[in-house]
């Protein structure tokens, strides 16, 4: 079984990230504002990224191309979300 992959859209600044987030909302494409994973923080200075699920990445790329949205890179990483993180019993 392969690991789940998440896509992180990286930005040079917070303003570009929020602008793309709003465009994705207008196009009804799900995205979540997320801290940039530590492994990717050396690529950009902005600590904000957009978390995109694999099934939505093509729609996101189309939205970026259609609107000419600014971004630094799109990085694919194994899922960083640990659903059992706060289980105590």
N, C-alpha and C. Protein backbone atom coordinates (compact mmCIF):
# COMPACT_ATOMS: atom_id res chain seq x y z
N UNK A 1 0.85 -1.20 0.00
CA UNK A 1 0.00 0.00 0.00
C UNK A 1 0.88 1.25 0.00
N UNK A 2 0.65 2.15 -0.91
CA UNK A 2 1.46 3.37 -0.99
C UNK A 2 0.97 4.42 0.01
N UNK A 3 1.90 5.28 0.42
CA UNK A 3 1.55 6.36 1.34
C UNK A 3 0.70 7.40 0.63
N UNK A 4 -0.14 8.05 1.41
CA UNK A 4 -0.91 9.16 0.86
C UNK A 4 0.03 10.32 0.59
N UNK A 5 -0.22 10.99 -0.52
CA UNK A 5 0.59 12.15 -0.90
C UNK A 5 -0.27 13.41 -0.76
N UNK A 6 0.31 14.43 -0.18
CA UNK A 6 -0.32 15.75 -0.13
C UNK A 6 0.55 16.71 -0.92
N UNK A 7 -0.08 17.71 -1.47
CA UNK A 7 0.64 18.73 -2.22
C UNK A 7 0.63 20.02 -1.43
N UNK A 8 1.78 20.67 -1.35
CA UNK A 8 1.91 21.94 -0.67
C UNK A 8 2.30 22.99 -1.70
N UNK A 9 1.51 24.05 -1.79
CA UNK A 9 1.85 25.16 -2.67
C UNK A 9 2.61 26.16 -1.82
N UNK A 10 3.81 26.49 -2.25
CA UNK A 10 4.71 27.38 -1.52
C UNK A 10 4.69 28.77 -2.14
N UNK A 11 4.90 29.77 -1.30
CA UNK A 11 4.82 31.17 -1.73
C UNK A 11 6.02 31.96 -1.24
N UNK A 12 6.31 33.04 -1.95
CA UNK A 12 7.36 33.95 -1.52
C UNK A 12 6.88 34.87 -0.41
N UNK A 13 5.57 35.09 -0.35
CA UNK A 13 5.02 35.92 0.72
C UNK A 13 3.57 35.54 1.01
N UNK A 14 3.10 35.95 2.16
CA UNK A 14 1.77 35.64 2.65
C UNK A 14 0.67 36.19 1.74
N UNK A 15 0.89 37.36 1.16
CA UNK A 15 -0.10 37.99 0.30
C UNK A 15 -0.42 37.12 -0.91
N UNK A 16 0.60 36.55 -1.54
CA UNK A 16 0.37 35.66 -2.68
C UNK A 16 -0.40 34.42 -2.25
N UNK A 17 -0.11 33.90 -1.08
CA UNK A 17 -0.81 32.73 -0.57
C UNK A 17 -2.28 33.00 -0.34
N UNK A 18 -2.59 34.11 0.28
CA UNK A 18 -4.01 34.44 0.53
C UNK A 18 -4.75 34.74 -0.77
N UNK A 19 -4.06 35.36 -1.73
CA UNK A 19 -4.70 35.65 -3.02
C UNK A 19 -5.09 34.35 -3.73
N UNK A 20 -4.19 33.37 -3.75
CA UNK A 20 -4.52 32.10 -4.39
C UNK A 20 -5.60 31.36 -3.61
N UNK A 21 -5.55 31.42 -2.29
CA UNK A 21 -6.57 30.77 -1.46
C UNK A 21 -7.96 31.31 -1.81
N UNK A 22 -8.06 32.62 -1.97
CA UNK A 22 -9.36 33.22 -2.32
C UNK A 22 -9.80 32.81 -3.72
N UNK A 23 -8.87 32.73 -4.67
CA UNK A 23 -9.22 32.27 -6.02
C UNK A 23 -9.73 30.83 -5.99
N UNK A 24 -9.09 29.99 -5.19
CA UNK A 24 -9.53 28.60 -5.09
C UNK A 24 -10.92 28.51 -4.48
N UNK A 25 -11.19 29.35 -3.48
CA UNK A 25 -12.52 29.38 -2.88
C UNK A 25 -13.57 29.79 -3.92
N UNK A 26 -13.26 30.79 -4.73
CA UNK A 26 -14.20 31.24 -5.76
C UNK A 26 -14.48 30.15 -6.78
N UNK A 27 -13.48 29.32 -7.06
CA UNK A 27 -13.64 28.21 -8.01
C UNK A 27 -14.12 26.93 -7.33
N UNK A 28 -14.46 27.00 -6.04
CA UNK A 28 -14.95 25.86 -5.25
C UNK A 28 -13.96 24.69 -5.23
N UNK A 29 -12.68 25.01 -5.14
CA UNK A 29 -11.63 23.99 -5.05
C UNK A 29 -11.15 23.96 -3.60
N UNK A 30 -11.23 22.80 -2.95
CA UNK A 30 -10.83 22.74 -1.54
C UNK A 30 -9.33 22.93 -1.36
N UNK A 31 -8.98 23.75 -0.38
CA UNK A 31 -7.59 23.99 -0.01
C UNK A 31 -7.59 24.38 1.46
N UNK A 32 -6.47 24.14 2.11
CA UNK A 32 -6.37 24.48 3.52
C UNK A 32 -5.07 25.25 3.75
N UNK A 33 -5.17 26.36 4.47
CA UNK A 33 -3.98 27.11 4.84
C UNK A 33 -3.22 26.27 5.87
N UNK A 34 -1.92 26.13 5.65
CA UNK A 34 -1.11 25.24 6.47
C UNK A 34 0.27 25.84 6.68
N UNK A 35 0.90 25.54 7.81
CA UNK A 35 2.30 25.93 7.94
C UNK A 35 3.13 25.17 6.90
N UNK A 36 4.16 25.80 6.40
CA UNK A 36 5.05 25.11 5.47
C UNK A 36 5.80 24.03 6.24
N UNK A 37 5.77 22.78 5.75
CA UNK A 37 6.50 21.72 6.46
C UNK A 37 7.98 22.06 6.59
N UNK A 38 8.58 21.65 7.70
CA UNK A 38 9.98 21.98 7.99
C UNK A 38 10.92 21.56 6.86
N UNK A 39 10.65 20.45 6.26
CA UNK A 39 11.53 19.94 5.19
C UNK A 39 11.56 20.88 3.98
N UNK A 40 10.51 21.70 3.82
CA UNK A 40 10.42 22.61 2.67
C UNK A 40 10.78 24.05 3.02
N UNK A 41 11.00 24.36 4.28
CA UNK A 41 11.22 25.74 4.69
C UNK A 41 12.52 26.33 4.17
N UNK A 42 13.45 25.50 3.77
CA UNK A 42 14.69 26.04 3.21
C UNK A 42 14.49 26.57 1.79
N UNK A 43 13.39 26.15 1.13
CA UNK A 43 13.12 26.60 -0.24
C UNK A 43 12.55 28.02 -0.29
N UNK A 44 11.77 28.40 0.72
CA UNK A 44 11.10 29.70 0.72
C UNK A 44 11.17 30.33 2.11
N UNK A 45 11.00 31.64 2.15
CA UNK A 45 11.03 32.33 3.44
C UNK A 45 9.64 32.44 4.07
N UNK A 46 8.60 32.26 3.28
CA UNK A 46 7.24 32.38 3.80
C UNK A 46 6.86 31.08 4.52
N UNK A 47 6.35 31.20 5.73
CA UNK A 47 5.98 30.03 6.52
C UNK A 47 4.58 29.53 6.25
N UNK A 48 3.89 30.13 5.27
CA UNK A 48 2.52 29.74 4.95
C UNK A 48 2.51 28.97 3.64
N UNK A 49 1.71 27.91 3.59
CA UNK A 49 1.52 27.17 2.36
C UNK A 49 0.04 26.79 2.24
N UNK A 50 -0.34 26.29 1.10
CA UNK A 50 -1.69 25.75 0.92
C UNK A 50 -1.58 24.25 0.77
N UNK A 51 -2.37 23.54 1.55
CA UNK A 51 -2.39 22.09 1.51
C UNK A 51 -3.48 21.65 0.55
N UNK A 52 -3.09 20.84 -0.43
CA UNK A 52 -3.99 20.39 -1.48
C UNK A 52 -3.99 18.86 -1.50
N UNK A 53 -5.16 18.27 -1.59
CA UNK A 53 -5.27 16.82 -1.70
C UNK A 53 -4.97 16.38 -3.14
N UNK A 54 -4.48 15.17 -3.33
CA UNK A 54 -4.10 14.70 -4.67
C UNK A 54 -5.21 14.79 -5.71
N UNK A 55 -6.44 14.52 -5.32
CA UNK A 55 -7.53 14.54 -6.28
C UNK A 55 -7.87 15.95 -6.78
N UNK A 56 -7.34 16.98 -6.11
CA UNK A 56 -7.64 18.36 -6.49
C UNK A 56 -6.49 19.07 -7.19
N UNK A 57 -5.34 18.42 -7.32
CA UNK A 57 -4.15 19.13 -7.80
C UNK A 57 -4.30 19.61 -9.25
N UNK A 58 -4.93 18.83 -10.10
CA UNK A 58 -5.09 19.28 -11.50
C UNK A 58 -6.02 20.49 -11.59
N UNK A 59 -7.08 20.52 -10.79
CA UNK A 59 -7.98 21.67 -10.77
C UNK A 59 -7.24 22.91 -10.24
N UNK A 60 -6.36 22.71 -9.28
CA UNK A 60 -5.58 23.82 -8.73
C UNK A 60 -4.63 24.37 -9.79
N UNK A 61 -3.95 23.47 -10.49
CA UNK A 61 -3.03 23.93 -11.55
C UNK A 61 -3.78 24.69 -12.64
N UNK A 62 -4.98 24.24 -12.98
CA UNK A 62 -5.79 24.94 -13.98
C UNK A 62 -6.20 26.32 -13.47
N UNK A 63 -6.56 26.42 -12.21
CA UNK A 63 -6.94 27.71 -11.61
C UNK A 63 -5.75 28.67 -11.61
N UNK A 64 -4.56 28.17 -11.27
CA UNK A 64 -3.36 29.01 -11.27
C UNK A 64 -3.08 29.53 -12.67
N UNK A 65 -3.19 28.65 -13.66
CA UNK A 65 -2.92 29.05 -15.05
C UNK A 65 -3.96 30.04 -15.54
N UNK A 66 -5.22 29.80 -15.22
CA UNK A 66 -6.30 30.67 -15.68
C UNK A 66 -6.17 32.08 -15.12
N UNK A 67 -5.81 32.19 -13.85
CA UNK A 67 -5.77 33.50 -13.19
C UNK A 67 -4.36 34.10 -13.14
N UNK A 68 -3.37 33.34 -13.55
CA UNK A 68 -1.99 33.84 -13.49
C UNK A 68 -1.53 34.10 -12.07
N UNK A 69 -1.96 33.25 -11.14
CA UNK A 69 -1.65 33.43 -9.72
C UNK A 69 -0.16 33.22 -9.45
N UNK A 70 0.35 34.00 -8.53
CA UNK A 70 1.77 33.92 -8.16
C UNK A 70 1.97 32.84 -7.10
N UNK A 71 2.99 32.00 -7.31
CA UNK A 71 3.39 31.00 -6.33
C UNK A 71 4.85 30.66 -6.57
N UNK A 72 5.49 30.04 -5.60
CA UNK A 72 6.90 29.70 -5.74
C UNK A 72 7.09 28.30 -6.31
N UNK A 73 6.38 27.32 -5.73
CA UNK A 73 6.56 25.93 -6.14
C UNK A 73 5.39 25.10 -5.64
N UNK A 74 5.21 23.93 -6.22
CA UNK A 74 4.25 22.94 -5.71
C UNK A 74 5.07 21.71 -5.36
N UNK A 75 5.02 21.30 -4.09
CA UNK A 75 5.81 20.17 -3.62
C UNK A 75 4.90 19.04 -3.17
N UNK A 76 5.24 17.83 -3.58
CA UNK A 76 4.51 16.63 -3.16
C UNK A 76 5.28 15.97 -2.02
N UNK A 77 4.57 15.70 -0.92
CA UNK A 77 5.18 15.04 0.23
C UNK A 77 4.25 13.96 0.76
N UNK A 78 4.81 12.94 1.40
CA UNK A 78 3.94 11.99 2.09
C UNK A 78 3.12 12.75 3.13
N UNK A 79 1.94 12.26 3.40
CA UNK A 79 1.02 12.93 4.33
C UNK A 79 1.71 13.23 5.66
N UNK A 80 1.66 14.49 6.09
CA UNK A 80 2.27 14.94 7.33
C UNK A 80 1.28 14.95 8.49
N UNK A 81 0.01 14.70 8.22
CA UNK A 81 -1.03 14.79 9.24
C UNK A 81 -1.09 13.47 10.00
N UNK A 82 -0.94 13.55 11.29
CA UNK A 82 -0.99 12.36 12.14
C UNK A 82 -2.32 12.40 12.91
N UNK A 83 -3.26 11.60 12.47
CA UNK A 83 -4.60 11.66 13.04
C UNK A 83 -4.64 11.15 14.49
N UNK A 84 -3.69 10.33 14.90
CA UNK A 84 -3.69 9.80 16.27
C UNK A 84 -2.80 10.61 17.21
N UNK A 85 -2.40 11.79 16.80
CA UNK A 85 -1.45 12.60 17.56
C UNK A 85 -1.90 12.92 18.98
N UNK A 86 -3.18 13.21 19.18
CA UNK A 86 -3.65 13.65 20.48
C UNK A 86 -4.48 12.59 21.21
N UNK A 87 -4.24 11.33 20.90
CA UNK A 87 -4.94 10.26 21.63
C UNK A 87 -4.17 9.95 22.90
N UNK A 88 -4.87 9.97 24.00
CA UNK A 88 -4.22 9.74 25.28
C UNK A 88 -4.65 8.43 25.94
N UNK A 89 -5.63 7.76 25.37
CA UNK A 89 -6.05 6.48 25.95
C UNK A 89 -6.56 5.54 24.88
